[in-house]
Amino acid sequence: MTDDARRDADGAAAGDPSDRLEPVQAAARQLIDAARSFLDAAEAFVDDPDALTQVVEVVSRTARDAARVAEAAGRRAAARSEAASPRSAQEADEPDDDDQGPVQHIPVS
């Protein structure tokens, strides 16, 4: 087998597992550091429940504000849509006499 055949797709030697292990170890260390940071934050909330209450209040306020903005945007879009429509909203609810729609009504005698 030639030297080229012993290399994998990344160009690392097929028999050298340490080259493949280093990125995995680095990723594992990053995960461990992230978990430690998360646990430190969780511990802070356990030690200070008022901090958790404040965070919940901020998130709740933000969610209410976002809902209010979305509702206002929806009303504005509906108003623009109604203004662009040639018929009023009441007329839109009433069926047209000339427009039978996709169903053809056939009188039976």
N, C-alpha and C. Protein backbone atom coordinates (compact mmCIF):
# COMPACT_ATOMS: atom_id res chain seq x y z
N MET A 1 0.85 -1.16 0.00
CA MET A 1 0.00 0.00 0.00
C MET A 1 0.90 1.23 0.00
N THR A 2 0.55 2.23 -0.78
CA THR A 2 1.37 3.44 -0.87
C THR A 2 1.07 4.37 0.31
N ASP A 3 1.94 5.37 0.48
CA ASP A 3 1.72 6.33 1.57
C ASP A 3 0.42 7.10 1.39
N ASP A 4 0.07 7.41 0.14
CA ASP A 4 -1.17 8.14 -0.11
C ASP A 4 -2.39 7.32 0.29
N ALA A 5 -2.34 6.02 0.11
CA ALA A 5 -3.47 5.15 0.44
C ALA A 5 -3.65 5.02 1.95
N ARG A 6 -2.61 5.27 2.74
CA ARG A 6 -2.69 5.15 4.19
C ARG A 6 -3.22 6.41 4.85
N ARG A 7 -3.50 7.43 4.11
CA ARG A 7 -4.01 8.68 4.66
C ARG A 7 -5.53 8.72 4.49
N ASP A 8 -6.18 9.30 5.49
CA ASP A 8 -7.64 9.39 5.40
C ASP A 8 -8.03 10.64 4.63
N ALA A 9 -9.30 10.96 4.61
CA ALA A 9 -9.81 12.08 3.81
C ALA A 9 -9.25 13.41 4.27
N ASP A 10 -8.90 13.56 5.54
CA ASP A 10 -8.36 14.82 6.06
C ASP A 10 -6.86 14.93 5.84
N GLY A 11 -6.25 13.89 5.33
CA GLY A 11 -4.82 13.91 5.07
C GLY A 11 -3.99 13.41 6.25
N ALA A 12 -4.65 13.00 7.34
CA ALA A 12 -3.90 12.48 8.49
C ALA A 12 -3.49 11.04 8.21
N ALA A 13 -2.39 10.65 8.78
CA ALA A 13 -1.93 9.27 8.61
C ALA A 13 -2.94 8.33 9.23
N ALA A 14 -3.25 7.24 8.55
CA ALA A 14 -4.27 6.31 9.01
C ALA A 14 -3.89 5.67 10.34
N GLY A 15 -2.63 5.52 10.62
CA GLY A 15 -2.21 4.86 11.85
C GLY A 15 -1.93 5.82 12.99
N ASP A 16 -2.23 7.12 12.86
CA ASP A 16 -1.91 8.11 13.89
C ASP A 16 -3.18 8.65 14.53
N PRO A 17 -3.72 7.96 15.56
CA PRO A 17 -4.98 8.39 16.17
C PRO A 17 -4.87 9.68 16.98
N SER A 18 -3.67 10.07 17.38
CA SER A 18 -3.54 11.28 18.21
C SER A 18 -3.95 12.54 17.43
N ASP A 19 -3.76 12.53 16.12
CA ASP A 19 -4.19 13.67 15.31
C ASP A 19 -5.70 13.83 15.33
N ARG A 20 -6.41 12.74 15.41
CA ARG A 20 -7.86 12.78 15.44
C ARG A 20 -8.38 13.04 16.84
N LEU A 21 -7.61 12.70 17.84
CA LEU A 21 -8.04 12.82 19.22
C LEU A 21 -7.97 14.26 19.73
N GLU A 22 -7.03 15.04 19.26
CA GLU A 22 -6.85 16.41 19.77
C GLU A 22 -8.09 17.29 19.59
N PRO A 23 -8.73 17.32 18.42
CA PRO A 23 -9.94 18.15 18.29
C PRO A 23 -11.07 17.69 19.18
N VAL A 24 -11.18 16.38 19.38
CA VAL A 24 -12.23 15.84 20.24
C VAL A 24 -11.97 16.25 21.68
N GLN A 25 -10.70 16.18 22.10
CA GLN A 25 -10.36 16.60 23.46
C GLN A 25 -10.62 18.10 23.65
N ALA A 26 -10.29 18.91 22.66
CA ALA A 26 -10.52 20.35 22.76
C ALA A 26 -12.02 20.63 22.88
N ALA A 27 -12.83 19.94 22.09
CA ALA A 27 -14.28 20.13 22.16
C ALA A 27 -14.82 19.69 23.51
N ALA A 28 -14.32 18.59 24.04
CA ALA A 28 -14.76 18.11 25.35
C ALA A 28 -14.41 19.12 26.43
N ARG A 29 -13.22 19.72 26.35
CA ARG A 29 -12.84 20.74 27.34
C ARG A 29 -13.77 21.95 27.27
N GLN A 30 -14.14 22.34 26.06
CA GLN A 30 -15.05 23.47 25.90
C GLN A 30 -16.42 23.15 26.49
N LEU A 31 -16.90 21.92 26.27
CA LEU A 31 -18.17 21.51 26.86
C LEU A 31 -18.12 21.51 28.38
N ILE A 32 -17.02 21.05 28.93
CA ILE A 32 -16.85 21.03 30.39
C ILE A 32 -16.84 22.45 30.94
N ASP A 33 -16.13 23.36 30.26
CA ASP A 33 -16.10 24.76 30.70
C ASP A 33 -17.49 25.38 30.64
N ALA A 34 -18.24 25.08 29.59
CA ALA A 34 -19.60 25.62 29.47
C ALA A 34 -20.49 25.06 30.57
N ALA A 35 -20.35 23.77 30.88
CA ALA A 35 -21.14 23.17 31.95
C ALA A 35 -20.80 23.80 33.29
N ARG A 36 -19.53 24.07 33.54
CA ARG A 36 -19.13 24.72 34.80
C ARG A 36 -19.75 26.11 34.90
N SER A 37 -19.73 26.85 33.80
CA SER A 37 -20.32 28.19 33.80
C SER A 37 -21.82 28.12 34.08
N PHE A 38 -22.49 27.16 33.47
CA PHE A 38 -23.92 26.98 33.71
C PHE A 38 -24.18 26.64 35.18
N LEU A 39 -23.39 25.73 35.72
CA LEU A 39 -23.58 25.35 37.12
C LEU A 39 -23.28 26.51 38.06
N ASP A 40 -22.29 27.34 37.74
CA ASP A 40 -22.01 28.53 38.55
C ASP A 40 -23.20 29.48 38.54
N ALA A 41 -23.81 29.66 37.38
CA ALA A 41 -24.98 30.54 37.28
C ALA A 41 -26.16 29.94 38.06
N ALA A 42 -26.35 28.64 37.95
CA ALA A 42 -27.43 27.98 38.68
C ALA A 42 -27.22 28.11 40.18
N GLU A 43 -25.97 27.96 40.61
CA GLU A 43 -25.65 28.10 42.04
C GLU A 43 -25.94 29.52 42.52
N ALA A 44 -25.67 30.50 41.68
CA ALA A 44 -25.94 31.88 42.06
C ALA A 44 -27.44 32.10 42.26
N PHE A 45 -28.26 31.48 41.43
CA PHE A 45 -29.71 31.60 41.60
C PHE A 45 -30.19 30.89 42.86
N VAL A 46 -29.56 29.75 43.18
CA VAL A 46 -29.94 29.03 44.41
C VAL A 46 -29.56 29.86 45.63
N ASP A 47 -28.39 30.49 45.57
CA ASP A 47 -27.93 31.30 46.70
C ASP A 47 -28.70 32.61 46.82
N ASP A 48 -29.22 33.14 45.70
CA ASP A 48 -29.91 34.42 45.71
C ASP A 48 -31.20 34.31 44.90
N PRO A 49 -32.30 33.84 45.53
CA PRO A 49 -33.56 33.68 44.80
C PRO A 49 -34.10 35.00 44.24
N ASP A 50 -33.72 36.13 44.86
CA ASP A 50 -34.18 37.42 44.34
C ASP A 50 -33.64 37.66 42.93
N ALA A 51 -32.45 37.19 42.66
CA ALA A 51 -31.87 37.34 41.32
C ALA A 51 -32.71 36.57 40.30
N LEU A 52 -33.14 35.37 40.67
CA LEU A 52 -33.98 34.58 39.77
C LEU A 52 -35.31 35.29 39.53
N THR A 53 -35.87 35.86 40.58
CA THR A 53 -37.12 36.60 40.45
C THR A 53 -36.95 37.77 39.49
N GLN A 54 -35.84 38.47 39.59
CA GLN A 54 -35.59 39.60 38.70
C GLN A 54 -35.46 39.14 37.25
N VAL A 55 -34.77 38.04 37.04
CA VAL A 55 -34.62 37.52 35.68
C VAL A 55 -35.98 37.14 35.10
N VAL A 56 -36.80 36.48 35.90
CA VAL A 56 -38.13 36.08 35.44
C VAL A 56 -38.97 37.31 35.11
N GLU A 57 -38.88 38.34 35.93
CA GLU A 57 -39.63 39.58 35.67
C GLU A 57 -39.19 40.23 34.37
N VAL A 58 -37.89 40.27 34.13
CA VAL A 58 -37.37 40.88 32.90
C VAL A 58 -37.84 40.08 31.68
N VAL A 59 -37.75 38.77 31.76
CA VAL A 59 -38.19 37.93 30.63
C VAL A 59 -39.69 38.09 30.40
N SER A 60 -40.47 38.15 31.48
CA SER A 60 -41.92 38.33 31.35
C SER A 60 -42.25 39.66 30.71
N ARG A 61 -41.59 40.72 31.16
CA ARG A 61 -41.81 42.05 30.59
C ARG A 61 -41.47 42.08 29.10
N THR A 62 -40.35 41.45 28.77
CA THR A 62 -39.92 41.40 27.38
C THR A 62 -40.94 40.65 26.53
N ALA A 63 -41.45 39.54 27.04
CA ALA A 63 -42.44 38.75 26.30
C ALA A 63 -43.73 39.55 26.12
N ARG A 64 -44.17 40.26 27.16
CA ARG A 64 -45.38 41.09 27.03
C ARG A 64 -45.18 42.19 25.99
N ASP A 65 -44.01 42.84 26.04
CA ASP A 65 -43.72 43.90 25.07
C ASP A 65 -43.70 43.35 23.65
N ALA A 66 -43.10 42.19 23.48
CA ALA A 66 -43.04 41.58 22.15
C ALA A 66 -44.44 41.23 21.66
N ALA A 67 -45.29 40.72 22.54
CA ALA A 67 -46.66 40.39 22.16
C ALA A 67 -47.42 41.65 21.78
N ARG A 68 -47.21 42.73 22.52
CA ARG A 68 -47.88 44.00 22.23
C ARG A 68 -47.45 44.53 20.86
N VAL A 69 -46.16 44.47 20.58
CA VAL A 69 -45.64 44.94 19.28
C VAL A 69 -46.20 44.08 18.15
N ALA A 70 -46.23 42.77 18.34
CA ALA A 70 -46.75 41.87 17.31
C ALA A 70 -48.23 42.12 17.07
N GLU A 71 -48.98 42.36 18.13
CA GLU A 71 -50.41 42.63 17.98
C GLU A 71 -50.64 43.93 17.21
N ALA A 72 -49.88 44.96 17.54
CA ALA A 72 -50.00 46.25 16.84
C ALA A 72 -49.62 46.09 15.36
N ALA A 73 -48.58 45.34 15.09
CA ALA A 73 -48.17 45.11 13.70
C ALA A 73 -49.26 44.36 12.94
N GLY A 74 -49.89 43.41 13.59
CA GLY A 74 -50.98 42.67 12.96
C GLY A 74 -52.16 43.57 12.66
N ARG A 75 -52.50 44.46 13.59
CA ARG A 75 -53.60 45.40 13.34
C ARG A 75 -53.28 46.33 12.18
N ARG A 76 -52.03 46.82 12.13
CA ARG A 76 -51.64 47.70 11.03
C ARG A 76 -51.71 46.97 9.69
N ALA A 77 -51.25 45.72 9.67
CA ALA A 77 -51.29 44.94 8.42
C ALA A 77 -52.73 44.69 8.00
N ALA A 78 -53.60 44.40 8.95
CA ALA A 78 -55.01 44.17 8.62
C ALA A 78 -55.65 45.44 8.09
N ALA A 79 -55.32 46.58 8.70
CA ALA A 79 -55.87 47.86 8.24
C ALA A 79 -55.40 48.16 6.82
N ARG A 80 -54.12 47.91 6.54
CA ARG A 80 -53.61 48.14 5.18
C ARG A 80 -54.30 47.22 4.18
N SER A 81 -54.52 45.98 4.58
CA SER A 81 -55.17 45.01 3.70
C SER A 81 -56.60 45.43 3.42
N GLU A 82 -57.34 45.89 4.43
CA GLU A 82 -58.71 46.33 4.24
C GLU A 82 -58.76 47.58 3.38
N ALA A 83 -57.80 48.48 3.56
CA ALA A 83 -57.78 49.71 2.78
C ALA A 83 -57.48 49.41 1.31
N ALA A 84 -56.70 48.39 1.05
CA ALA A 84 -56.35 48.04 -0.33
C ALA A 84 -57.47 47.27 -1.01
N SER A 85 -58.37 46.69 -0.23
CA SER A 85 -59.46 45.89 -0.79
C SER A 85 -60.53 46.82 -1.35
N PRO A 86 -61.09 46.51 -2.54
CA PRO A 86 -62.11 47.37 -3.12
C PRO A 86 -63.45 47.27 -2.39
N ARG A 87 -63.67 46.22 -1.63
CA ARG A 87 -64.93 46.03 -0.92
C ARG A 87 -64.73 46.24 0.56
N SER A 88 -65.78 46.61 1.25
CA SER A 88 -65.69 46.78 2.69
C SER A 88 -65.66 45.41 3.36
N ALA A 89 -65.34 45.39 4.63
CA ALA A 89 -65.26 44.12 5.36
C ALA A 89 -66.63 43.47 5.43
N GLN A 90 -67.72 44.27 5.56
CA GLN A 90 -69.06 43.71 5.64
C GLN A 90 -69.44 43.09 4.29
N GLU A 91 -69.10 43.76 3.19
CA GLU A 91 -69.40 43.22 1.87
C GLU A 91 -68.60 41.94 1.61
N ALA A 92 -67.43 41.86 2.16
CA ALA A 92 -66.60 40.68 1.95
C ALA A 92 -67.21 39.45 2.59
N ASP A 93 -67.96 39.64 3.70
CA ASP A 93 -68.60 38.52 4.37
C ASP A 93 -69.84 38.04 3.63
N GLU A 94 -70.48 38.93 2.86
CA GLU A 94 -71.69 38.58 2.15
C GLU A 94 -71.33 37.94 0.80
N PRO A 95 -72.02 36.87 0.42
CA PRO A 95 -71.72 36.24 -0.88
C PRO A 95 -72.22 37.12 -2.02
N ASP A 96 -71.53 37.09 -3.12
CA ASP A 96 -71.96 37.79 -4.32
C ASP A 96 -73.08 37.00 -4.98
N ASP A 97 -74.05 37.74 -5.54
CA ASP A 97 -75.14 37.06 -6.23
C ASP A 97 -74.66 36.47 -7.55
N ASP A 98 -73.78 37.22 -8.27
CA ASP A 98 -73.34 36.74 -9.57
C ASP A 98 -72.26 35.67 -9.44
N ASP A 99 -71.51 35.71 -8.36
CA ASP A 99 -70.39 34.78 -8.23
C ASP A 99 -70.86 33.51 -7.54
N GLN A 100 -70.95 32.44 -8.29
CA GLN A 100 -71.38 31.16 -7.74
C GLN A 100 -70.23 30.41 -7.09
N GLY A 101 -69.03 30.91 -7.29
CA GLY A 101 -67.87 30.23 -6.74
C GLY A 101 -67.59 28.95 -7.50
N PRO A 102 -66.85 28.04 -6.90
CA PRO A 102 -66.48 26.82 -7.61
C PRO A 102 -67.61 25.79 -7.67
N VAL A 103 -68.74 26.08 -6.97
CA VAL A 103 -69.86 25.13 -6.96
C VAL A 103 -70.96 25.64 -7.89
N GLN A 104 -71.42 24.81 -8.77
CA GLN A 104 -72.52 25.19 -9.66
C GLN A 104 -73.80 24.63 -9.08
N HIS A 105 -74.77 25.51 -8.84
CA HIS A 105 -76.05 25.08 -8.30
C HIS A 105 -77.00 24.78 -9.45
N ILE A 106 -77.53 23.59 -9.48
CA ILE A 106 -78.44 23.17 -10.56
C ILE A 106 -79.82 22.95 -9.95
N PRO A 107 -80.81 23.73 -10.41
CA PRO A 107 -82.16 23.53 -9.87
C PRO A 107 -82.74 22.17 -10.30
N VAL A 108 -83.38 21.54 -9.38
CA VAL A 108 -84.00 20.23 -9.64
C VAL A 108 -85.50 20.41 -9.56
N SER A 109 -86.24 19.93 -10.59
CA SER A 109 -87.70 20.10 -10.54
C SER A 109 -88.41 18.80 -10.31
